[in-house]
C-alpha cells in the first residue's frame, strides 16, 4: 500500500508544538524506545483529560511515526475539527454502528499504521483506571499486531471533564510507554484485556511516583485520586457521574428528535 500523502497532520503538529511551548508544558517521557520503527500497533492509552490524544501523539514523533486515533463521530461532524480529523486520517467511531469503525481500524493496522485507542472509552473522572473495553485486544488479535501500552499523568490538571481549563505555565505531563506485547490471535480477548490493564496499572503507578508537578496550594487536591488521599471522586462515585451524564445526553438527543 503506498504511503499516505500527509498535508494536514504536519502543520497541525507544528501548531500543537507552538502551543505546548507557549504554555511551557514540561514533558517527561520514558519508554520511547518501545515505539515500533515500522509496522502496525495498537497504542492503548489511559484517559484523564481532553488533550490525551495530542500528548500521546507527541511520543511517536522522534521515531518518525504518526498515530491514527479512534474518536467519536461527533468530533468529525464539527465544522472546524471535522476537516482536520479527516485530513489526519483519524478513525470516526459511531457507537450506533461500531462494526464499521472497528474494521477501519483493523485495516489501518494491517496497512502498518499505529492506531490510538482509549480502552476506558471515556474520561475517567476518578483518574484511576476504569473498566476496559475489549476492542483494543480484539483489533490487535485480528490484525496480528502488538499492543503498545501508554499512560499519561498530569493532563487532567490542564483540561478535563467538568473542570475549567487551567493554562498556567509550566504544567508537568508525565508519560510512560510500556513494552509492547503481541497477543495470540487465537487467544481470549477478555484475558488479553486483563493483561493490558495489569500492565497499564503498573505504568500508572510509575508515572505517579515520578510525577514532578506540585499542588498549587493546600486545597489543590481535586486532581489527586481518592485512592491516593486526594479529593477526586472514587471509581464508584465517578461511575455514578458517568451514568448521570449518559442519561442527560440521551434526554437531550430525545428532545432534539434524534
C-alpha atoms as a PDB file:
ATOM      1  CA  UNK A   1       0.000   0.000   0.000  1.00  0.00           C
ATOM      2  CA  UNK A   2       1.527   3.392  -0.971  1.00  0.00           C
ATOM      3  CA  UNK A   3       2.290   5.838   1.816  1.00  0.00           C
ATOM      4  CA  UNK A   4      -0.397   8.403   2.550  1.00  0.00           C
ATOM      5  CA  UNK A   5       0.218  11.956   1.462  1.00  0.00           C
ATOM      6  CA  UNK A   6       0.282  13.943   4.697  1.00  0.00           C
ATOM      7  CA  UNK A   7      -0.823  17.528   4.044  1.00  0.00           C
ATOM      8  CA  UNK A   8      -2.787  18.222   7.237  1.00  0.00           C
ATOM      9  CA  UNK A   9      -1.045  16.317  10.031  1.00  0.00           C
ATOM     10  CA  UNK A  10       2.383  18.074   9.844  1.00  0.00           C
ATOM     11  CA  UNK A  11       1.045  21.643  10.175  1.00  0.00           C
ATOM     12  CA  UNK A  12      -1.284  20.550  12.991  1.00  0.00           C
ATOM     13  CA  UNK A  13       1.706  19.026  14.795  1.00  0.00           C
ATOM     14  CA  UNK A  14       3.659  22.231  14.254  1.00  0.00           C
ATOM     15  CA  UNK A  15       0.825  24.302  15.703  1.00  0.00           C
ATOM     16  CA  UNK A  16       0.486  21.967  18.698  1.00  0.00           C
ATOM     17  CA  UNK A  17       4.206  22.250  19.413  1.00  0.00           C
ATOM     18  CA  UNK A  18       3.934  26.038  19.417  1.00  0.00           C
ATOM     19  CA  UNK A  19       1.014  25.873  21.848  1.00  0.00           C
ATOM     20  CA  UNK A  20       2.875  23.478  24.152  1.00  0.00           C
ATOM     21  CA  UNK A  21       5.926  25.734  24.058  1.00  0.00           C
ATOM     22  CA  UNK A  22       3.816  28.794  24.749  1.00  0.00           C
ATOM     23  CA  UNK A  23       2.265  27.087  27.759  1.00  0.00           C
ATOM     24  CA  UNK A  24       5.654  25.910  28.949  1.00  0.00           C
ATOM     25  CA  UNK A  25       4.442  22.319  29.255  1.00  0.00           C
ATOM     26  CA  UNK A  26       7.226  20.113  30.590  1.00  0.00           C
ATOM     27  CA  UNK A  27       7.033  16.664  29.005  1.00  0.00           C
ATOM     28  CA  UNK A  28       8.795  13.822  30.782  1.00  0.00           C
ATOM     29  CA  UNK A  29       8.632  10.748  28.544  1.00  0.00           C
ATOM     30  CA  UNK A  30      10.217   7.386  29.224  1.00  0.00           C
ATOM     31  CA  UNK A  31       9.979   4.168  27.242  1.00  0.00           C
ATOM     32  CA  UNK A  32      10.183   5.858  23.834  1.00  0.00           C
ATOM     33  CA  UNK A  33      12.444   3.022  22.724  1.00  0.00           C
ATOM     34  CA  UNK A  34       9.334   0.819  22.721  1.00  0.00           C
ATOM     35  CA  UNK A  35       7.737   2.760  19.843  1.00  0.00           C
ATOM     36  CA  UNK A  36       7.973   0.442  16.815  1.00  0.00           C
ATOM     37  CA  UNK A  37      10.016   1.872  13.958  1.00  0.00           C
ATOM     38  CA  UNK A  38       7.591   0.375  11.461  1.00  0.00           C
ATOM     39  CA  UNK A  39       4.522  -1.808  11.262  1.00  0.00           C
ATOM     40  CA  UNK A  40       1.108  -1.681  12.824  1.00  0.00           C
ATOM     41  CA  UNK A  41       0.446  -1.442  16.555  1.00  0.00           C
ATOM     42  CA  UNK A  42      -2.468  -0.665  18.833  1.00  0.00           C
ATOM     43  CA  UNK A  43      -1.483   2.168  21.174  1.00  0.00           C
ATOM     44  CA  UNK A  44      -3.628   1.724  24.298  1.00  0.00           C
ATOM     45  CA  UNK A  45      -3.850   4.950  26.326  1.00  0.00           C
ATOM     46  CA  UNK A  46      -5.407   5.811  29.679  1.00  0.00           C
ATOM     47  CA  UNK A  47      -7.864   8.707  29.625  1.00  0.00           C
ATOM     48  CA  UNK A  48      -7.928  11.517  32.184  1.00  0.00           C
ATOM     49  CA  UNK A  49      -8.131  14.651  30.026  1.00  0.00           C
ATOM     50  CA  UNK A  50      -9.275  16.070  26.718  1.00  0.00           C
ATOM     51  CA  UNK A  51      -5.706  16.584  25.470  1.00  0.00           C
ATOM     52  CA  UNK A  52      -4.557  12.991  25.998  1.00  0.00           C
ATOM     53  CA  UNK A  53      -4.585  12.218  22.284  1.00  0.00           C
ATOM     54  CA  UNK A  54      -2.283  15.145  21.495  1.00  0.00           C
ATOM     55  CA  UNK A  55       0.103  14.233  24.302  1.00  0.00           C
ATOM     56  CA  UNK A  56       0.194  10.573  23.238  1.00  0.00           C
ATOM     57  CA  UNK A  57       0.814  11.661  19.659  1.00  0.00           C
ATOM     58  CA  UNK A  58       3.938  13.556  20.729  1.00  0.00           C
ATOM     59  CA  UNK A  59       5.632  10.330  21.823  1.00  0.00           C
ATOM     60  CA  UNK A  60       5.945   8.821  18.338  1.00  0.00           C
ATOM     61  CA  UNK A  61       7.362  11.851  16.531  1.00  0.00           C
ATOM     62  CA  UNK A  62      11.058  11.093  17.220  1.00  0.00           C
ATOM     63  CA  UNK A  63      10.517   7.685  15.598  1.00  0.00           C
ATOM     64  CA  UNK A  64       9.038   9.353  12.510  1.00  0.00           C
ATOM     65  CA  UNK A  65       5.619   7.830  13.155  1.00  0.00           C
ATOM     66  CA  UNK A  66       2.076   9.168  13.364  1.00  0.00           C
ATOM     67  CA  UNK A  67      -0.911   7.866  15.299  1.00  0.00           C
ATOM     68  CA  UNK A  68      -4.380   7.438  13.805  1.00  0.00           C
ATOM     69  CA  UNK A  69      -6.769   7.931  16.715  1.00  0.00           C
ATOM     70  CA  UNK A  70     -10.216   6.457  17.086  1.00  0.00           C
ATOM     71  CA  UNK A  71     -12.555   9.286  18.118  1.00  0.00           C
ATOM     72  CA  UNK A  72     -16.291   9.713  18.473  1.00  0.00           C
ATOM     73  CA  UNK A  73     -18.156  10.598  15.298  1.00  0.00           C
ATOM     74  CA  UNK A  74     -19.367  13.916  16.729  1.00  0.00           C
ATOM     75  CA  UNK A  75     -15.820  15.286  16.531  1.00  0.00           C
ATOM     76  CA  UNK A  76     -15.795  14.535  12.787  1.00  0.00           C
ATOM     77  CA  UNK A  77     -19.188  16.203  12.347  1.00  0.00           C
ATOM     78  CA  UNK A  78     -17.930  19.522  13.756  1.00  0.00           C
ATOM     79  CA  UNK A  79     -17.335  22.190  11.114  1.00  0.00           C
ATOM     80  CA  UNK A  80     -13.842  23.012  12.424  1.00  0.00           C
ATOM     81  CA  UNK A  81     -12.471  19.784  13.876  1.00  0.00           C
ATOM     82  CA  UNK A  82     -14.109  17.550  11.282  1.00  0.00           C
ATOM     83  CA  UNK A  83     -11.973  18.518   8.263  1.00  0.00           C
ATOM     84  CA  UNK A  84      -8.850  18.359  10.422  1.00  0.00           C
ATOM     85  CA  UNK A  85      -9.676  14.908  11.776  1.00  0.00           C
ATOM     86  CA  UNK A  86     -10.419  13.573   8.313  1.00  0.00           C
ATOM     87  CA  UNK A  87      -7.307  15.224   6.909  1.00  0.00           C
ATOM     88  CA  UNK A  88      -5.189  13.489   9.550  1.00  0.00           C
ATOM     89  CA  UNK A  89      -6.862  10.164   8.672  1.00  0.00           C
ATOM     90  CA  UNK A  90      -8.183   9.548  12.162  1.00  0.00           C
ATOM     91  CA  UNK A  91     -10.960   6.995  12.522  1.00  0.00           C
ATOM     92  CA  UNK A  92     -14.537   8.020  13.404  1.00  0.00           C
ATOM     93  CA  UNK A  93     -16.410   5.871  15.896  1.00  0.00           C
ATOM     94  CA  UNK A  94     -20.179   5.751  15.528  1.00  0.00           C
ATOM     95  CA  UNK A  95     -21.394   3.996  18.664  1.00  0.00           C
ATOM     96  CA  UNK A  96     -24.632   3.118  16.876  1.00  0.00           C
ATOM     97  CA  UNK A  97     -22.672   1.107  14.290  1.00  0.00           C
ATOM     98  CA  UNK A  98     -19.314   0.261  15.789  1.00  0.00           C
ATOM     99  CA  UNK A  99     -18.500  -2.584  13.398  1.00  0.00           C
ATOM    100  CA  UNK A 100     -17.566  -0.187  10.599  1.00  0.00           C
ATOM    101  CA  UNK A 101     -15.059   1.766  12.695  1.00  0.00           C
ATOM    102  CA  UNK A 102     -13.655  -1.460  14.096  1.00  0.00           C
ATOM    103  CA  UNK A 103     -12.976  -2.836  10.622  1.00  0.00           C
ATOM    104  CA  UNK A 104     -11.491   0.504   9.509  1.00  0.00           C
ATOM    105  CA  UNK A 105      -9.080   0.280  12.448  1.00  0.00           C
ATOM    106  CA  UNK A 106      -8.102  -3.299  11.646  1.00  0.00           C
ATOM    107  CA  UNK A 107      -7.477  -2.301   8.039  1.00  0.00           C
ATOM    108  CA  UNK A 108      -5.248   0.582   9.180  1.00  0.00           C
ATOM    109  CA  UNK A 109      -3.294  -1.755  11.468  1.00  0.00           C
ATOM    110  CA  UNK A 110      -2.797  -4.250   8.664  1.00  0.00           C
ATOM    111  CA  UNK A 111      -1.517  -1.384   6.499  1.00  0.00           C
ATOM    112  CA  UNK A 112       1.189  -0.674   9.088  1.00  0.00           C
ATOM    113  CA  UNK A 113      -0.404   2.206  10.997  1.00  0.00           C
ATOM    114  CA  UNK A 114      -0.297   2.879  14.732  1.00  0.00           C
ATOM    115  CA  UNK A 115      -3.905   3.176  15.902  1.00  0.00           C
ATOM    116  CA  UNK A 116      -4.567   5.036  19.152  1.00  0.00           C
ATOM    117  CA  UNK A 117      -7.295   3.617  21.386  1.00  0.00           C
ATOM    118  CA  UNK A 118      -8.649   4.571  24.805  1.00  0.00           C
ATOM    119  CA  UNK A 119      -9.726   1.229  26.360  1.00  0.00           C
ATOM    120  CA  UNK A 120     -11.725   3.084  29.027  1.00  0.00           C
ATOM    121  CA  UNK A 121     -13.744   4.670  26.167  1.00  0.00           C
ATOM    122  CA  UNK A 122     -14.433   7.878  28.129  1.00  0.00           C
ATOM    123  CA  UNK A 123     -12.510  10.087  30.541  1.00  0.00           C
ATOM    124  CA  UNK A 124     -12.029   8.611  33.994  1.00  0.00           C
ATOM    125  CA  UNK A 125     -13.344  11.196  36.426  1.00  0.00           C
ATOM    126  CA  UNK A 126     -11.677   9.323  39.290  1.00  0.00           C
ATOM    127  CA  UNK A 127      -8.294   9.467  37.479  1.00  0.00           C
ATOM    128  CA  UNK A 128      -7.860   5.783  38.295  1.00  0.00           C
ATOM    129  CA  UNK A 129      -8.260   3.203  35.528  1.00  0.00           C
ATOM    130  CA  UNK A 130     -11.880   2.358  34.748  1.00  0.00           C
ATOM    131  CA  UNK A 131     -13.013  -0.974  33.358  1.00  0.00           C
ATOM    132  CA  UNK A 132     -11.519  -1.649  29.922  1.00  0.00           C
ATOM    133  CA  UNK A 133     -13.408  -2.453  26.747  1.00  0.00           C
ATOM    134  CA  UNK A 134     -12.040  -5.398  24.753  1.00  0.00           C
ATOM    135  CA  UNK A 135     -11.762  -3.535  21.437  1.00  0.00           C
ATOM    136  CA  UNK A 136      -8.006  -2.866  21.652  1.00  0.00           C
ATOM    137  CA  UNK A 137      -7.285  -6.528  22.294  1.00  0.00           C
ATOM    138  CA  UNK A 138      -9.636  -7.763  19.580  1.00  0.00           C
ATOM    139  CA  UNK A 139      -8.176  -5.414  16.967  1.00  0.00           C
ATOM    140  CA  UNK A 140      -4.607  -6.419  17.771  1.00  0.00           C
ATOM    141  CA  UNK A 141      -5.538 -10.104  17.676  1.00  0.00           C
ATOM    142  CA  UNK A 142      -7.342  -9.833  14.339  1.00  0.00           C
ATOM    143  CA  UNK A 143      -4.624  -7.720  12.693  1.00  0.00           C
ATOM    144  CA  UNK A 144      -1.773  -9.743  14.207  1.00  0.00           C
ATOM    145  CA  UNK A 145      -0.024  -6.690  15.654  1.00  0.00           C
ATOM    146  CA  UNK A 146       1.349  -5.786  19.102  1.00  0.00           C
ATOM    147  CA  UNK A 147      -0.380  -3.734  21.762  1.00  0.00           C
ATOM    148  CA  UNK A 148       1.645  -0.752  22.970  1.00  0.00           C
ATOM    149  CA  UNK A 149       0.516   0.349  26.463  1.00  0.00           C
ATOM    150  CA  UNK A 150       0.972   4.019  27.346  1.00  0.00           C
ATOM    151  CA  UNK A 151      -0.097   6.078  30.350  1.00  0.00           C
ATOM    152  CA  UNK A 152      -0.281   9.830  30.818  1.00  0.00           C
ATOM    153  CA  UNK A 153      -0.357  11.566  34.178  1.00  0.00           C
ATOM    154  CA  UNK A 154      -0.916  15.267  34.765  1.00  0.00           C
ATOM    155  CA  UNK A 155      -3.029  16.048  31.716  1.00  0.00           C
ATOM    156  CA  UNK A 156      -6.135  16.240  33.905  1.00  0.00           C
ATOM    157  CA  UNK A 157      -4.705  19.370  35.533  1.00  0.00           C
ATOM    158  CA  UNK A 158      -4.758  21.206  32.200  1.00  0.00           C
ATOM    159  CA  UNK A 159      -8.146  20.281  30.701  1.00  0.00           C
ATOM    160  CA  UNK A 160     -10.524  17.584  31.866  1.00  0.00           C
ATOM    161  CA  UNK A 161     -14.199  16.848  32.253  1.00  0.00           C
ATOM    162  CA  UNK A 162     -16.292  19.135  34.460  1.00  0.00           C
ATOM    163  CA  UNK A 163     -13.364  21.490  35.121  1.00  0.00           C
ATOM    164  CA  UNK A 164     -12.355  24.769  33.544  1.00  0.00           C
ATOM    165  CA  UNK A 165      -9.156  24.769  31.523  1.00  0.00           C
ATOM    166  CA  UNK A 166      -6.078  25.658  33.563  1.00  0.00           C
ATOM    167  CA  UNK A 167      -3.462  27.159  31.260  1.00  0.00           C
ATOM    168  CA  UNK A 168      -0.940  28.234  33.860  1.00  0.00           C
ATOM    169  CA  UNK A 169       2.578  27.911  32.521  1.00  0.00           C
ATOM    170  CA  UNK A 170       4.903  25.091  33.425  1.00  0.00           C
ATOM    171  CA  UNK A 171       2.480  22.179  33.756  1.00  0.00           C
ATOM    172  CA  UNK A 172       4.235  18.825  34.062  1.00  0.00           C
ATOM    173  CA  UNK A 173       3.000  15.933  31.914  1.00  0.00           C
ATOM    174  CA  UNK A 174       4.458  12.530  32.695  1.00  0.00           C
ATOM    175  CA  UNK A 175       4.210   9.820  30.023  1.00  0.00           C
ATOM    176  CA  UNK A 176       5.367   6.225  30.447  1.00  0.00           C
ATOM    177  CA  UNK A 177       5.401   3.860  27.469  1.00  0.00           C
ATOM    178  CA  UNK A 178       5.447   0.177  28.245  1.00  0.00           C
ATOM    179  CA  UNK A 179       6.918  -2.736  26.378  1.00  0.00           C
ATOM    180  CA  UNK A 180       4.678  -3.899  23.518  1.00  0.00           C
ATOM    181  CA  UNK A 181       3.220  -7.380  23.632  1.00  0.00           C
ATOM    182  CA  UNK A 182       1.621  -9.374  20.837  1.00  0.00           C
ATOM    183  CA  UNK A 183      -1.445 -11.385  21.836  1.00  0.00           C
ATOM    184  CA  UNK A 184      -2.168 -14.806  20.411  1.00  0.00           C
ATOM    185  CA  UNK A 185      -4.679 -14.353  17.557  1.00  0.00           C
ATOM    186  CA  UNK A 186      -6.461 -17.442  18.794  1.00  0.00           C
ATOM    187  CA  UNK A 187      -6.452 -16.293  22.415  1.00  0.00           C
ATOM    188  CA  UNK A 188      -9.130 -14.880  24.697  1.00  0.00           C
ATOM    189  CA  UNK A 189      -9.786 -11.156  24.230  1.00  0.00           C
ATOM    190  CA  UNK A 190     -11.033 -10.835  27.814  1.00  0.00           C
ATOM    191  CA  UNK A 191      -7.819 -12.345  29.174  1.00  0.00           C
ATOM    192  CA  UNK A 192      -5.693 -10.136  26.893  1.00  0.00           C
ATOM    193  CA  UNK A 193      -7.627  -7.086  28.073  1.00  0.00           C
ATOM    194  CA  UNK A 194      -6.994  -8.066  31.705  1.00  0.00           C
ATOM    195  CA  UNK A 195      -3.268  -8.404  30.914  1.00  0.00           C
ATOM    196  CA  UNK A 196      -3.288  -4.984  29.262  1.00  0.00           C
ATOM    197  CA  UNK A 197      -4.945  -3.384  32.280  1.00  0.00           C
ATOM    198  CA  UNK A 198      -2.453  -5.007  34.652  1.00  0.00           C
ATOM    199  CA  UNK A 199       0.430  -3.633  32.599  1.00  0.00           C
ATOM    200  CA  UNK A 200      -1.106  -0.185  32.459  1.00  0.00           C
ATOM    201  CA  UNK A 201      -1.757  -0.164  36.217  1.00  0.00           C
ATOM    202  CA  UNK A 202       1.971  -0.743  36.754  1.00  0.00           C
ATOM    203  CA  UNK A 203       2.851   2.033  34.300  1.00  0.00           C
ATOM    204  CA  UNK A 204       0.410   4.386  36.002  1.00  0.00           C
ATOM    205  CA  UNK A 205       1.975   3.707  39.384  1.00  0.00           C
ATOM    206  CA  UNK A 206       5.374   4.511  37.889  1.00  0.00           C
ATOM    207  CA  UNK A 207       4.085   7.721  36.303  1.00  0.00           C
ATOM    208  CA  UNK A 208       2.543   8.903  39.568  1.00  0.00           C
ATOM    209  CA  UNK A 209       5.618   8.017  41.600  1.00  0.00           C
ATOM    210  CA  UNK A 210       7.865  10.052  39.303  1.00  0.00           C
ATOM    211  CA  UNK A 211       5.492  12.954  38.658  1.00  0.00           C
ATOM    212  CA  UNK A 212       7.149  16.292  39.413  1.00  0.00           C
ATOM    213  CA  UNK A 213       4.089  18.550  39.406  1.00  0.00           C
ATOM    214  CA  UNK A 214       3.170  20.010  42.773  1.00  0.00           C
ATOM    215  CA  UNK A 215      -0.168  21.252  44.179  1.00  0.00           C
ATOM    216  CA  UNK A 216      -0.675  24.969  43.610  1.00  0.00           C
ATOM    217  CA  UNK A 217      -1.911  25.400  47.177  1.00  0.00           C
ATOM    218  CA  UNK A 218      -3.102  23.364  50.165  1.00  0.00           C
ATOM    219  CA  UNK A 219      -6.583  22.958  48.654  1.00  0.00           C
ATOM    220  CA  UNK A 220      -5.368  21.845  45.239  1.00  0.00           C
ATOM    221  CA  UNK A 221      -6.209  18.179  45.695  1.00  0.00           C
ATOM    222  CA  UNK A 222      -9.043  17.717  43.182  1.00  0.00           C
ATOM    223  CA  UNK A 223      -6.745  16.079  40.609  1.00  0.00           C
ATOM    224  CA  UNK A 224      -5.368  13.515  43.081  1.00  0.00           C
ATOM    225  CA  UNK A 225      -7.283  10.199  43.156  1.00  0.00           C
ATOM    226  CA  UNK A 226      -9.195   9.289  46.305  1.00  0.00           C
ATOM    227  CA  UNK A 227      -7.085   6.110  46.324  1.00  0.00           C
ATOM    228  CA  UNK A 228      -4.047   8.345  46.954  1.00  0.00           C
ATOM    229  CA  UNK A 229      -5.722  10.581  49.525  1.00  0.00           C
ATOM    230  CA  UNK A 230      -6.982  13.247  47.122  1.00  0.00           C
ATOM    231  CA  UNK A 231     -10.462  14.659  46.671  1.00  0.00           C
ATOM    232  CA  UNK A 232     -11.215  13.252  43.205  1.00  0.00           C
ATOM    233  CA  UNK A 233     -14.288  11.016  43.189  1.00  0.00           C
ATOM    234  CA  UNK A 234     -13.880   7.312  43.851  1.00  0.00           C
ATOM    235  CA  UNK A 235     -14.338   4.873  40.998  1.00  0.00           C
ATOM    236  CA  UNK A 236     -17.882   4.178  42.230  1.00  0.00           C
ATOM    237  CA  UNK A 237     -18.713   7.885  42.502  1.00  0.00           C
ATOM    238  CA  UNK A 238     -17.227   8.521  39.064  1.00  0.00           C
ATOM    239  CA  UNK A 239     -19.301   5.679  37.614  1.00  0.00           C
ATOM    240  CA  UNK A 240     -22.436   7.322  39.018  1.00  0.00           C
ATOM    241  CA  UNK A 241     -21.415  10.613  37.398  1.00  0.00           C
ATOM    242  CA  UNK A 242     -20.847   8.838  34.079  1.00  0.00           C
ATOM    243  CA  UNK A 243     -24.306   7.271  34.286  1.00  0.00           C
ATOM    244  CA  UNK A 244     -25.900  10.659  35.021  1.00  0.00           C
ATOM    245  CA  UNK A 245     -24.003  12.244  32.121  1.00  0.00           C
ATOM    246  CA  UNK A 246     -25.193   9.466  29.808  1.00  0.00           C
ATOM    247  CA  UNK A 247     -28.809   9.976  30.877  1.00  0.00           C
ATOM    248  CA  UNK A 248     -28.585  13.738  30.298  1.00  0.00           C
ATOM    249  CA  UNK A 249     -27.160  13.234  26.814  1.00  0.00           C
ATOM    250  CA  UNK A 250     -29.849  10.674  25.952  1.00  0.00           C
ATOM    251  CA  UNK A 251     -32.563  13.059  27.126  1.00  0.00           C
ATOM    252  CA  UNK A 252     -31.043  15.892  25.089  1.00  0.00           C
ATOM    253  CA  UNK A 253     -30.968  13.722  21.954  1.00  0.00           C
ATOM    254  CA  UNK A 254     -34.556  12.643  22.530  1.00  0.00           C
ATOM    255  CA  UNK A 255     -35.658  16.260  22.951  1.00  0.00           C
ATOM    256  CA  UNK A 256     -33.900  17.124  19.678  1.00  0.00           C
ATOM    257  CA  UNK A 257     -35.721  14.274  17.944  1.00  0.00           C
ATOM    258  CA  UNK A 258     -32.572  12.218  17.287  1.00  0.00           C
END
